[in-house]
Structure formats: structure tokens, C-alpha cells
């Protein structure tokens, strides 16, 4: 019976706090909760930014793989080009919520003008990338990367990885490595600062 009364006493312990102590406890709890909420929000934001950067890189590769078809479509379209209020970045932004490659390409091909805007944007960004490589402190490496990505997507005819490796006297692994770097740089140019992959 003695142990039972001890349990009852333990359950009936009352802690008295002054109003200041209660206020401090509430303030500390609110601060801890707010910090955790901000931490969770920041993690989710970074996760979403990473997904968005991945989609932009994926879409850059998609645009580059389809460059020649898009260019031909723009040049041979029966419909005349009309002035559009839409910019290249508007069109690219509209791609971000689409996940099916065919739907993305069809959305770009929706009009000759839209297609021409994207083709012109890609060509302009390749020009900027070329200028960047010319002024780079690592000019030899950056020029090679530019030529590798050019041969893979823009050359006529485009070259296979094996052909690029032979042309530049390098391994296929090095070609893939150069392509990764060049594609990331082109993504930053094509999509703007948001195209940068934050690591």
C-alpha cells in the first residue's frame, strides 16, 4: 500500500511557475518551433530548387537534341511569322511544368514564330558560350567542351560520342564529362540564372 501512495503522490505533483517563468517557457517554445519551421521550409525550398534545376537541365538537353528539327520546322513552316509578345524565357518557363518530351516539343512547335524564337535563343546562347570560352582562363579546356557540345547537338551532321572522342583524341568518358559541364553552362545561359544547378 505504501508504493501505491507514492505513485499517487507522484501523479499529484504540482509545479508552480511565476508569470515571468511561464512567459519565458512559451517564448522559448515559440522560438524553437519557429526555427524548426524555417529549417523545414528552407529544406523544402532547396529541394524544389534542385528539382527545378534538374528539369531545366533535362529541358536543355531536350531542346538541343531537337534543335535541327525545330530549326527546320521554323524555316519550312507554311504559316507566316507574326509578331508575338512572348519572349524566349516565357516559352521556356511554360515548358517547366510539362514532363512529357513530345508535349514539350509540340508546345514549342505550336507556331512558327514560337519555334523561331526558341531556335534563335539557342543559337544566341551558343554564341555567348563561344565568347565565354574565348575569354576563359582555361581556354583550351573550355574551347574543347564547346566543340564537344557543338559536335553533339549543333553540327551538321551531328556526331556520335564515339566520333567526337576520335575527333578530339579523347576517351568516351571524357566526352561525357565535357558534355555534362557544357550542358550545365548552356542551361544557365538558356534559362538564365535560375538554370544554375546549386550544389
N, C-alpha and C. Protein backbone atom coordinates (compact mmCIF):
# COMPACT_ATOMS: atom_id res chain seq x y z
N UNK A 1 0.82 -1.18 0.00
CA UNK A 1 0.00 0.00 0.00
C UNK A 1 0.87 1.26 0.00
N UNK A 2 2.04 1.15 0.59
CA UNK A 2 2.95 2.28 0.66
C UNK A 2 3.40 2.70 -0.74
N UNK A 3 3.68 1.70 -1.64
CA UNK A 3 4.11 2.03 -3.01
C UNK A 3 2.99 2.68 -3.80
N UNK A 4 1.77 2.30 -3.53
CA UNK A 4 0.62 2.88 -4.22
C UNK A 4 0.48 4.36 -3.84
N UNK A 5 0.64 4.67 -2.60
CA UNK A 5 0.51 6.07 -2.18
C UNK A 5 1.65 6.92 -2.76
N UNK A 6 2.84 6.31 -2.96
CA UNK A 6 3.95 7.03 -3.58
C UNK A 6 3.60 7.37 -5.02
N UNK A 7 3.00 6.42 -5.75
CA UNK A 7 2.59 6.68 -7.14
C UNK A 7 1.55 7.77 -7.19
N UNK A 8 0.60 7.70 -6.26
CA UNK A 8 -0.43 8.72 -6.23
C UNK A 8 0.18 10.09 -5.97
N UNK A 9 1.14 10.13 -5.07
CA UNK A 9 1.80 11.40 -4.77
C UNK A 9 2.58 11.91 -5.99
N UNK A 10 3.22 10.99 -6.73
CA UNK A 10 3.99 11.39 -7.91
C UNK A 10 3.07 11.98 -8.98
N UNK A 11 1.90 11.44 -9.11
CA UNK A 11 0.95 11.95 -10.10
C UNK A 11 0.38 13.29 -9.69
N UNK A 12 0.37 13.58 -8.43
CA UNK A 12 -0.27 14.80 -7.95
C UNK A 12 0.72 15.93 -7.70
N UNK A 13 1.95 15.83 -8.23
CA UNK A 13 2.94 16.87 -8.05
C UNK A 13 2.48 18.11 -8.82
N UNK A 14 2.52 19.22 -8.18
CA UNK A 14 2.12 20.48 -8.78
C UNK A 14 3.37 21.36 -8.86
N UNK A 15 3.57 21.94 -10.04
CA UNK A 15 4.71 22.83 -10.22
C UNK A 15 4.16 24.25 -10.33
N UNK A 16 4.68 25.08 -9.53
CA UNK A 16 4.22 26.47 -9.54
C UNK A 16 5.22 27.31 -10.33
N UNK A 17 4.70 28.08 -11.25
CA UNK A 17 5.53 28.97 -12.06
C UNK A 17 5.04 30.40 -11.88
N UNK A 18 6.00 31.28 -11.92
CA UNK A 18 5.62 32.69 -11.89
C UNK A 18 5.18 33.06 -13.30
N UNK A 19 4.43 34.12 -13.44
CA UNK A 19 4.02 34.55 -14.79
C UNK A 19 5.22 34.80 -15.71
N UNK A 20 6.33 35.30 -15.19
CA UNK A 20 7.52 35.53 -16.00
C UNK A 20 8.13 34.22 -16.49
N UNK A 21 8.16 33.21 -15.60
CA UNK A 21 8.69 31.90 -15.99
C UNK A 21 7.82 31.27 -17.07
N UNK A 22 6.50 31.35 -16.92
CA UNK A 22 5.58 30.80 -17.92
C UNK A 22 5.76 31.53 -19.25
N UNK A 23 5.92 32.85 -19.17
CA UNK A 23 6.14 33.65 -20.38
C UNK A 23 7.45 33.23 -21.07
N UNK A 24 8.52 33.00 -20.29
CA UNK A 24 9.81 32.56 -20.85
C UNK A 24 9.69 31.20 -21.52
N UNK A 25 8.98 30.28 -20.86
CA UNK A 25 8.79 28.93 -21.43
C UNK A 25 8.05 29.03 -22.76
N UNK A 26 6.98 29.83 -22.80
CA UNK A 26 6.21 30.00 -24.04
C UNK A 26 7.06 30.64 -25.14
N UNK A 27 7.83 31.65 -24.76
CA UNK A 27 8.68 32.34 -25.74
C UNK A 27 9.73 31.38 -26.29
N UNK A 28 10.36 30.58 -25.42
CA UNK A 28 11.37 29.61 -25.87
C UNK A 28 10.74 28.56 -26.78
N UNK A 29 9.56 28.08 -26.41
CA UNK A 29 8.87 27.07 -27.23
C UNK A 29 8.52 27.66 -28.60
N UNK A 30 8.06 28.90 -28.62
CA UNK A 30 7.71 29.56 -29.89
C UNK A 30 8.95 29.75 -30.75
N UNK A 31 10.06 30.13 -30.13
CA UNK A 31 11.30 30.33 -30.87
C UNK A 31 11.81 29.02 -31.46
N UNK A 32 11.77 27.96 -30.66
CA UNK A 32 12.21 26.64 -31.14
C UNK A 32 11.30 26.19 -32.29
N UNK A 33 10.00 26.36 -32.13
CA UNK A 33 9.04 25.99 -33.18
C UNK A 33 9.27 26.78 -34.45
N UNK A 34 9.51 28.07 -34.32
CA UNK A 34 9.75 28.93 -35.49
C UNK A 34 11.03 28.52 -36.21
N UNK A 35 12.09 28.23 -35.43
CA UNK A 35 13.36 27.81 -36.04
C UNK A 35 13.18 26.50 -36.81
N UNK A 36 12.46 25.57 -36.23
CA UNK A 36 12.22 24.28 -36.90
C UNK A 36 11.38 24.46 -38.16
N UNK A 37 10.39 25.35 -38.08
CA UNK A 37 9.54 25.61 -39.25
C UNK A 37 10.37 26.25 -40.37
N UNK A 38 11.24 27.20 -40.03
CA UNK A 38 12.11 27.82 -41.04
C UNK A 38 13.09 26.82 -41.63
N UNK A 39 13.61 25.96 -40.79
CA UNK A 39 14.55 24.94 -41.25
C UNK A 39 13.85 24.00 -42.24
N UNK A 40 12.63 23.57 -41.90
CA UNK A 40 11.87 22.69 -42.78
C UNK A 40 11.53 23.40 -44.08
N UNK A 41 11.10 24.66 -43.99
CA UNK A 41 10.78 25.44 -45.17
C UNK A 41 12.00 25.59 -46.08
N UNK A 42 13.16 25.90 -45.48
CA UNK A 42 14.39 26.07 -46.24
C UNK A 42 14.78 24.77 -46.94
N UNK A 43 14.64 23.63 -46.24
CA UNK A 43 14.97 22.34 -46.85
C UNK A 43 14.04 22.05 -48.03
N UNK A 44 12.76 22.33 -47.87
CA UNK A 44 11.79 22.11 -48.95
C UNK A 44 12.07 23.03 -50.14
N UNK A 45 12.42 24.27 -49.85
CA UNK A 45 12.74 25.24 -50.91
C UNK A 45 13.96 24.79 -51.70
N UNK A 46 15.00 24.35 -50.98
CA UNK A 46 16.21 23.87 -51.66
C UNK A 46 15.92 22.62 -52.48
N UNK A 47 15.09 21.75 -51.94
CA UNK A 47 14.71 20.54 -52.65
C UNK A 47 13.97 20.90 -53.95
N UNK A 48 13.05 21.85 -53.87
CA UNK A 48 12.29 22.29 -55.04
C UNK A 48 13.21 22.98 -56.05
N UNK A 49 14.16 23.79 -55.56
CA UNK A 49 15.11 24.44 -56.46
C UNK A 49 15.95 23.39 -57.18
N UNK A 50 16.36 22.35 -56.46
CA UNK A 50 17.13 21.27 -57.08
C UNK A 50 16.33 20.56 -58.16
N UNK A 51 15.04 20.29 -57.87
CA UNK A 51 14.18 19.65 -58.87
C UNK A 51 14.00 20.55 -60.08
N UNK A 52 13.84 21.85 -59.83
CA UNK A 52 13.65 22.80 -60.93
C UNK A 52 14.92 22.87 -61.78
N UNK A 53 16.08 22.89 -61.14
CA UNK A 53 17.35 22.91 -61.88
C UNK A 53 17.50 21.63 -62.70
N UNK A 54 17.11 20.49 -62.12
CA UNK A 54 17.17 19.23 -62.85
C UNK A 54 16.26 19.26 -64.07
N UNK A 55 15.04 19.84 -63.91
CA UNK A 55 14.11 19.94 -65.05
C UNK A 55 14.68 20.86 -66.12
N UNK A 56 15.34 21.94 -65.70
CA UNK A 56 15.92 22.86 -66.68
C UNK A 56 17.06 22.17 -67.46
N UNK A 57 17.89 21.42 -66.76
CA UNK A 57 18.96 20.69 -67.45
C UNK A 57 18.36 19.67 -68.40
N UNK A 58 17.35 18.94 -67.94
CA UNK A 58 16.67 17.95 -68.78
C UNK A 58 16.07 18.63 -70.02
N UNK A 59 15.44 19.79 -69.81
CA UNK A 59 14.82 20.51 -70.93
C UNK A 59 15.87 21.10 -71.87
N UNK A 60 17.02 21.49 -71.34
CA UNK A 60 18.10 21.97 -72.20
C UNK A 60 18.54 20.85 -73.13
N UNK A 61 18.76 19.67 -72.57
CA UNK A 61 19.16 18.52 -73.40
C UNK A 61 18.09 18.21 -74.44
N UNK A 62 16.83 18.30 -74.04
CA UNK A 62 15.72 18.05 -74.97
C UNK A 62 15.74 19.06 -76.11
N UNK A 63 15.91 20.34 -75.79
CA UNK A 63 15.97 21.36 -76.83
C UNK A 63 17.16 21.14 -77.76
N UNK A 64 18.30 20.81 -77.18
CA UNK A 64 19.50 20.60 -78.00
C UNK A 64 19.34 19.38 -78.90
N UNK A 65 18.77 18.29 -78.35
CA UNK A 65 18.55 17.08 -79.17
C UNK A 65 17.60 17.34 -80.33
N UNK A 66 16.66 18.26 -80.14
CA UNK A 66 15.65 18.55 -81.16
C UNK A 66 15.93 19.83 -81.94
N UNK A 67 17.10 20.41 -81.74
CA UNK A 67 17.43 21.69 -82.37
C UNK A 67 17.23 21.66 -83.88
N UNK A 68 17.80 20.69 -84.56
CA UNK A 68 17.72 20.66 -86.03
C UNK A 68 16.28 20.52 -86.51
N UNK A 69 15.49 19.69 -85.83
CA UNK A 69 14.09 19.52 -86.21
C UNK A 69 13.32 20.82 -85.98
N UNK A 70 13.58 21.50 -84.86
CA UNK A 70 12.91 22.76 -84.58
C UNK A 70 13.30 23.83 -85.61
N UNK A 71 14.57 23.86 -85.94
CA UNK A 71 15.05 24.85 -86.92
C UNK A 71 14.39 24.60 -88.28
N UNK A 72 14.34 23.36 -88.67
CA UNK A 72 13.70 23.02 -89.95
C UNK A 72 12.22 23.39 -89.92
N UNK A 73 11.58 23.12 -88.80
CA UNK A 73 10.16 23.45 -88.66
C UNK A 73 9.96 24.96 -88.80
N UNK A 74 10.80 25.75 -88.16
CA UNK A 74 10.66 27.21 -88.22
C UNK A 74 10.92 27.72 -89.63
N UNK A 75 11.91 27.15 -90.30
CA UNK A 75 12.28 27.62 -91.65
C UNK A 75 11.28 27.20 -92.71
N UNK A 76 10.67 26.03 -92.53
CA UNK A 76 9.79 25.49 -93.57
C UNK A 76 8.31 25.60 -93.25
N UNK A 77 7.98 26.33 -92.23
CA UNK A 77 6.58 26.45 -91.84
C UNK A 77 5.79 27.19 -92.92
N UNK A 78 4.62 26.68 -93.23
CA UNK A 78 3.75 27.29 -94.21
C UNK A 78 3.16 28.59 -93.67
N UNK A 79 2.94 28.61 -92.35
CA UNK A 79 2.34 29.78 -91.72
C UNK A 79 3.37 30.89 -91.60
N UNK A 80 2.95 32.09 -91.88
CA UNK A 80 3.85 33.23 -91.75
C UNK A 80 4.14 33.52 -90.29
N UNK A 81 5.25 34.14 -90.06
CA UNK A 81 5.60 34.52 -88.70
C UNK A 81 4.90 35.83 -88.37
N UNK A 82 4.29 35.85 -87.22
CA UNK A 82 3.65 37.07 -86.75
C UNK A 82 4.40 37.54 -85.51
N UNK A 83 4.29 38.80 -85.23
CA UNK A 83 4.95 39.34 -84.04
C UNK A 83 4.26 38.79 -82.79
N UNK A 84 5.01 38.24 -81.89
CA UNK A 84 4.45 37.70 -80.66
C UNK A 84 4.98 38.51 -79.49
N UNK A 85 4.17 38.62 -78.48
CA UNK A 85 4.57 39.30 -77.27
C UNK A 85 5.41 38.38 -76.38
N UNK A 86 5.41 37.10 -76.69
CA UNK A 86 6.07 36.09 -75.87
C UNK A 86 7.58 36.12 -76.11
N UNK A 87 8.35 36.08 -75.03
CA UNK A 87 9.81 36.04 -75.16
C UNK A 87 10.28 34.59 -75.07
N UNK A 88 11.55 34.39 -75.35
CA UNK A 88 12.12 33.04 -75.24
C UNK A 88 11.99 32.53 -73.80
N UNK A 89 12.23 33.41 -72.83
CA UNK A 89 12.15 32.97 -71.44
C UNK A 89 10.71 32.64 -71.04
N UNK A 90 9.72 33.35 -71.62
CA UNK A 90 8.31 33.00 -71.37
C UNK A 90 8.02 31.59 -71.88
N UNK A 91 8.49 31.30 -73.07
CA UNK A 91 8.26 29.99 -73.68
C UNK A 91 8.96 28.91 -72.85
N UNK A 92 10.21 29.18 -72.47
CA UNK A 92 10.96 28.21 -71.67
C UNK A 92 10.31 27.98 -70.31
N UNK A 93 9.80 29.05 -69.72
CA UNK A 93 9.12 28.92 -68.42
C UNK A 93 7.88 28.06 -68.55
N UNK A 94 7.17 28.19 -69.66
CA UNK A 94 5.97 27.37 -69.86
C UNK A 94 6.32 25.88 -69.99
N UNK A 95 7.55 25.59 -70.38
CA UNK A 95 8.00 24.20 -70.50
C UNK A 95 8.19 23.55 -69.14
N UNK A 96 8.44 24.35 -68.11
CA UNK A 96 8.86 23.81 -66.82
C UNK A 96 7.81 22.93 -66.15
N UNK A 97 6.55 23.14 -66.46
CA UNK A 97 5.50 22.33 -65.84
C UNK A 97 5.11 21.14 -66.69
N UNK A 98 5.75 20.98 -67.82
CA UNK A 98 5.47 19.84 -68.70
C UNK A 98 6.57 18.80 -68.50
N UNK A 99 6.19 17.55 -68.51
CA UNK A 99 7.18 16.50 -68.25
C UNK A 99 7.35 15.54 -69.42
N UNK A 100 6.41 15.54 -70.34
CA UNK A 100 6.47 14.63 -71.48
C UNK A 100 7.25 15.32 -72.60
N UNK A 101 8.31 14.69 -73.07
CA UNK A 101 9.17 15.30 -74.08
C UNK A 101 8.41 15.68 -75.34
N UNK A 102 7.50 14.82 -75.79
CA UNK A 102 6.75 15.11 -77.01
C UNK A 102 5.82 16.30 -76.81
N UNK A 103 5.22 16.39 -75.64
CA UNK A 103 4.33 17.52 -75.34
C UNK A 103 5.13 18.83 -75.34
N UNK A 104 6.32 18.79 -74.78
CA UNK A 104 7.16 19.99 -74.74
C UNK A 104 7.50 20.45 -76.15
N UNK A 105 7.95 19.53 -76.98
CA UNK A 105 8.33 19.89 -78.35
C UNK A 105 7.10 20.37 -79.12
N UNK A 106 5.97 19.72 -78.95
CA UNK A 106 4.75 20.15 -79.64
C UNK A 106 4.32 21.53 -79.16
N UNK A 107 4.51 21.82 -77.87
CA UNK A 107 4.13 23.15 -77.37
C UNK A 107 5.02 24.23 -77.99
N UNK A 108 6.27 23.91 -78.25
CA UNK A 108 7.17 24.87 -78.90
C UNK A 108 6.79 25.02 -80.38
N UNK A 109 6.45 23.91 -81.01
CA UNK A 109 6.11 23.93 -82.43
C UNK A 109 4.71 24.49 -82.69
N UNK A 110 4.01 24.91 -81.63
CA UNK A 110 2.64 25.39 -81.77
C UNK A 110 2.53 26.47 -82.84
N UNK A 111 3.56 27.26 -82.99
CA UNK A 111 3.55 28.26 -84.06
C UNK A 111 4.97 28.41 -84.60
N UNK A 112 5.03 28.85 -85.84
CA UNK A 112 6.34 29.06 -86.46
C UNK A 112 7.11 30.13 -85.71
N UNK A 113 6.39 31.15 -85.24
CA UNK A 113 7.06 32.24 -84.52
C UNK A 113 7.65 31.74 -83.21
N UNK A 114 6.87 30.97 -82.49
CA UNK A 114 7.34 30.42 -81.21
C UNK A 114 8.59 29.56 -81.43
N UNK A 115 8.54 28.73 -82.44
CA UNK A 115 9.68 27.86 -82.76
C UNK A 115 10.89 28.70 -83.13
N UNK A 116 10.67 29.72 -83.96
CA UNK A 116 11.78 30.58 -84.39
C UNK A 116 12.41 31.31 -83.20
N UNK A 117 11.58 31.72 -82.24
CA UNK A 117 12.09 32.40 -81.05
C UNK A 117 13.03 31.47 -80.29
N UNK A 118 12.62 30.22 -80.09
CA UNK A 118 13.45 29.26 -79.34
C UNK A 118 14.73 28.94 -80.11
N UNK A 119 14.62 28.71 -81.42
CA UNK A 119 15.81 28.40 -82.23
C UNK A 119 16.79 29.58 -82.15
N UNK A 120 16.29 30.78 -82.30
CA UNK A 120 17.15 31.97 -82.22
C UNK A 120 17.79 32.10 -80.84
N UNK A 121 17.02 31.81 -79.81
CA UNK A 121 17.54 31.88 -78.43
C UNK A 121 18.67 30.86 -78.23
N UNK A 122 18.46 29.64 -78.70
CA UNK A 122 19.50 28.61 -78.58
C UNK A 122 20.77 29.06 -79.30
N UNK A 123 20.61 29.55 -80.53
CA UNK A 123 21.78 29.99 -81.31
C UNK A 123 22.49 31.16 -80.64
N UNK A 124 21.74 32.09 -80.10
CA UNK A 124 22.33 33.24 -79.40
C UNK A 124 23.11 32.77 -78.17
N UNK A 125 22.55 31.83 -77.42
CA UNK A 125 23.22 31.35 -76.21
C UNK A 125 24.47 30.55 -76.55
N UNK A 126 24.44 29.83 -77.66
CA UNK A 126 25.66 29.16 -78.11
C UNK A 126 26.72 30.20 -78.46
N UNK A 127 26.30 31.31 -79.07
CA UNK A 127 27.23 32.40 -79.38
C UNK A 127 27.84 32.98 -78.12
N UNK A 128 27.01 33.17 -77.08
CA UNK A 128 27.53 33.68 -75.80
C UNK A 128 28.48 32.68 -75.16
N UNK A 129 28.13 31.41 -75.25
CA UNK A 129 29.00 30.37 -74.68
C UNK A 129 30.34 30.36 -75.41
N UNK A 130 30.30 30.51 -76.73
CA UNK A 130 31.53 30.57 -77.53
C UNK A 130 32.39 31.75 -77.08
N UNK A 131 31.78 32.91 -76.90
CA UNK A 131 32.52 34.10 -76.46
C UNK A 131 33.11 33.89 -75.07
N UNK A 132 32.34 33.25 -74.18
CA UNK A 132 32.84 32.94 -72.84
C UNK A 132 34.09 32.07 -72.94
N UNK A 133 34.04 31.05 -73.78
CA UNK A 133 35.18 30.12 -73.91
C UNK A 133 36.41 30.82 -74.46
N UNK A 134 36.21 31.78 -75.36
CA UNK A 134 37.34 32.52 -75.94
C UNK A 134 38.07 33.35 -74.88
N UNK A 135 37.36 33.81 -73.87
CA UNK A 135 37.95 34.67 -72.85
C UNK A 135 38.27 33.94 -71.57
N UNK A 136 38.01 32.65 -71.53
CA UNK A 136 38.20 31.87 -70.32
C UNK A 136 39.67 31.73 -69.95
N UNK A 137 39.98 31.73 -68.65
CA UNK A 137 41.36 31.48 -68.23
C UNK A 137 41.79 30.05 -68.57
N UNK A 138 40.83 29.14 -68.68
CA UNK A 138 41.10 27.75 -69.08
C UNK A 138 40.65 27.55 -70.53
N UNK A 139 41.14 28.41 -71.39
CA UNK A 139 40.64 28.47 -72.77
C UNK A 139 40.71 27.12 -73.49
N UNK A 140 41.80 26.39 -73.35
CA UNK A 140 41.94 25.11 -74.06
C UNK A 140 40.84 24.13 -73.66
N UNK A 141 40.61 24.00 -72.37
CA UNK A 141 39.59 23.06 -71.88
C UNK A 141 38.20 23.54 -72.25
N UNK A 142 37.93 24.83 -72.05
CA UNK A 142 36.60 25.35 -72.35
C UNK A 142 36.30 25.33 -73.85
N UNK A 143 37.29 25.60 -74.68
CA UNK A 143 37.08 25.53 -76.14
C UNK A 143 36.75 24.09 -76.54
N UNK A 144 37.47 23.13 -75.94
CA UNK A 144 37.19 21.72 -76.26
C UNK A 144 35.77 21.35 -75.85
N UNK A 145 35.37 21.78 -74.67
CA UNK A 145 34.00 21.49 -74.20
C UNK A 145 32.97 22.10 -75.15
N UNK A 146 33.23 23.32 -75.59
CA UNK A 146 32.33 23.96 -76.54
C UNK A 146 32.24 23.14 -77.82
N UNK A 147 33.37 22.75 -78.35
CA UNK A 147 33.39 21.98 -79.60
C UNK A 147 32.70 20.62 -79.43
N UNK A 148 32.88 20.01 -78.26
CA UNK A 148 32.24 18.71 -77.99
C UNK A 148 30.72 18.87 -77.99
N UNK A 149 30.20 19.88 -77.30
CA UNK A 149 28.75 20.07 -77.25
C UNK A 149 28.22 20.52 -78.61
N UNK A 150 29.01 21.29 -79.33
CA UNK A 150 28.62 21.70 -80.68
C UNK A 150 28.50 20.48 -81.59
N UNK A 151 29.54 19.64 -81.56
CA UNK A 151 29.53 18.43 -82.41
C UNK A 151 28.35 17.51 -82.07
N UNK A 152 28.02 17.43 -80.80
CA UNK A 152 26.95 16.53 -80.36
C UNK A 152 25.56 17.01 -80.76
N UNK A 153 25.34 18.33 -80.75
CA UNK A 153 23.98 18.84 -80.96
C UNK A 153 23.80 19.77 -82.17
N UNK A 154 24.79 20.57 -82.49
CA UNK A 154 24.58 21.65 -83.46
C UNK A 154 25.22 21.39 -84.82
N UNK A 155 26.26 20.57 -84.87
CA UNK A 155 26.96 20.33 -86.13
C UNK A 155 26.02 19.68 -87.15
N UNK A 156 26.36 19.83 -88.40
CA UNK A 156 25.61 19.15 -89.46
C UNK A 156 26.58 18.30 -90.25
N UNK A 157 26.53 17.02 -90.17
CA UNK A 157 25.65 16.24 -89.30
C UNK A 157 26.22 16.19 -87.87
N UNK A 158 25.34 15.89 -86.93
CA UNK A 158 25.80 15.74 -85.55
C UNK A 158 26.66 14.49 -85.46
N UNK A 159 27.55 14.48 -84.49
CA UNK A 159 28.47 13.35 -84.32
C UNK A 159 28.05 12.51 -83.12
N UNK A 160 28.38 11.25 -83.16
CA UNK A 160 28.16 10.37 -82.02
C UNK A 160 29.26 10.61 -80.99
N UNK A 161 29.07 10.11 -79.80
CA UNK A 161 30.09 10.24 -78.76
C UNK A 161 31.39 9.57 -79.22
N UNK A 162 31.27 8.43 -79.87
CA UNK A 162 32.45 7.72 -80.37
C UNK A 162 33.20 8.57 -81.41
N UNK A 163 32.45 9.21 -82.31
CA UNK A 163 33.07 10.06 -83.33
C UNK A 163 33.71 11.30 -82.71
N UNK A 164 33.05 11.85 -81.71
CA UNK A 164 33.61 13.02 -81.02
C UNK A 164 34.90 12.64 -80.31
N UNK A 165 34.90 11.48 -79.66
CA UNK A 165 36.10 11.00 -78.97
C UNK A 165 37.26 10.85 -79.95
N UNK A 166 36.99 10.28 -81.11
CA UNK A 166 38.04 10.10 -82.13
C UNK A 166 38.51 11.46 -82.65
N UNK A 167 37.57 12.36 -82.93
CA UNK A 167 37.92 13.68 -83.46
C UNK A 167 38.82 14.46 -82.51
N UNK A 168 38.54 14.38 -81.21
CA UNK A 168 39.30 15.15 -80.23
C UNK A 168 40.37 14.32 -79.51
N UNK A 169 40.55 13.08 -79.98
CA UNK A 169 41.57 12.20 -79.42
C UNK A 169 41.42 12.08 -77.90
N UNK A 170 40.22 11.67 -77.48
CA UNK A 170 39.93 11.54 -76.06
C UNK A 170 39.04 10.33 -75.83
N UNK A 171 38.90 9.93 -74.59
CA UNK A 171 38.05 8.78 -74.27
C UNK A 171 36.57 9.19 -74.31
N UNK A 172 35.70 8.20 -74.44
CA UNK A 172 34.27 8.47 -74.41
C UNK A 172 33.86 9.02 -73.04
N UNK A 173 34.51 8.55 -71.99
CA UNK A 173 34.22 9.05 -70.64
C UNK A 173 34.49 10.55 -70.55
N UNK A 174 35.61 10.98 -71.16
CA UNK A 174 35.94 12.41 -71.16
C UNK A 174 34.94 13.21 -71.99
N UNK A 175 34.44 12.62 -73.06
CA UNK A 175 33.41 13.29 -73.87
C UNK A 175 32.17 13.50 -73.02
N UNK A 176 31.74 12.45 -72.31
CA UNK A 176 30.56 12.57 -71.45
C UNK A 176 30.79 13.62 -70.35
N UNK A 177 31.98 13.65 -69.80
CA UNK A 177 32.31 14.63 -68.76
C UNK A 177 32.24 16.05 -69.33
N UNK A 178 32.83 16.26 -70.51
CA UNK A 178 32.78 17.57 -71.15
C UNK A 178 31.34 17.96 -71.48
N UNK A 179 30.55 17.00 -71.93
CA UNK A 179 29.15 17.28 -72.24
C UNK A 179 28.39 17.73 -71.00
N UNK A 180 28.62 17.06 -69.87
CA UNK A 180 27.94 17.43 -68.63
C UNK A 180 28.22 18.88 -68.26
N UNK A 181 29.48 19.26 -68.30
CA UNK A 181 29.86 20.63 -67.94
C UNK A 181 29.27 21.63 -68.93
N UNK A 182 29.41 21.34 -70.22
CA UNK A 182 28.90 22.25 -71.25
C UNK A 182 27.38 22.37 -71.19
N UNK A 183 26.69 21.27 -70.96
CA UNK A 183 25.23 21.30 -70.87
C UNK A 183 24.77 22.12 -69.66
N UNK A 184 25.49 22.01 -68.54
CA UNK A 184 25.14 22.82 -67.37
C UNK A 184 25.36 24.31 -67.65
N UNK A 185 26.44 24.65 -68.34
CA UNK A 185 26.70 26.06 -68.66
C UNK A 185 25.67 26.58 -69.65
N UNK A 186 25.31 25.76 -70.62
CA UNK A 186 24.29 26.18 -71.58
C UNK A 186 22.92 26.32 -70.90
N UNK A 187 22.65 25.47 -69.92
CA UNK A 187 21.39 25.58 -69.18
C UNK A 187 21.32 26.93 -68.48
N UNK A 188 22.43 27.34 -67.86
CA UNK A 188 22.48 28.64 -67.18
C UNK A 188 22.26 29.76 -68.18
N UNK A 189 22.79 29.63 -69.38
CA UNK A 189 22.61 30.66 -70.39
C UNK A 189 21.18 30.64 -70.96
N UNK A 190 20.71 29.46 -71.30
CA UNK A 190 19.39 29.34 -71.93
C UNK A 190 18.27 29.74 -70.98
N UNK A 191 18.35 29.30 -69.73
CA UNK A 191 17.29 29.57 -68.77
C UNK A 191 17.59 30.76 -67.85
N UNK A 192 18.77 31.35 -67.98
CA UNK A 192 19.12 32.44 -67.10
C UNK A 192 19.67 31.92 -65.79
N UNK A 193 19.78 32.79 -64.80
CA UNK A 193 20.39 32.45 -63.52
C UNK A 193 19.68 31.27 -62.88
N UNK A 194 18.35 31.16 -63.07
CA UNK A 194 17.61 30.04 -62.48
C UNK A 194 18.06 28.69 -63.02
N UNK A 195 18.76 28.70 -64.16
CA UNK A 195 19.24 27.45 -64.73
C UNK A 195 20.47 26.90 -64.05
N UNK A 196 21.07 27.69 -63.16
CA UNK A 196 22.26 27.22 -62.46
C UNK A 196 21.88 26.13 -61.47
N UNK A 197 22.65 25.08 -61.46
CA UNK A 197 22.42 23.99 -60.51
C UNK A 197 23.21 24.29 -59.26
N UNK A 198 22.52 24.55 -58.18
CA UNK A 198 23.17 24.87 -56.91
C UNK A 198 23.53 23.57 -56.22
N UNK A 199 24.78 23.44 -55.85
CA UNK A 199 25.22 22.21 -55.18
C UNK A 199 25.49 22.51 -53.74
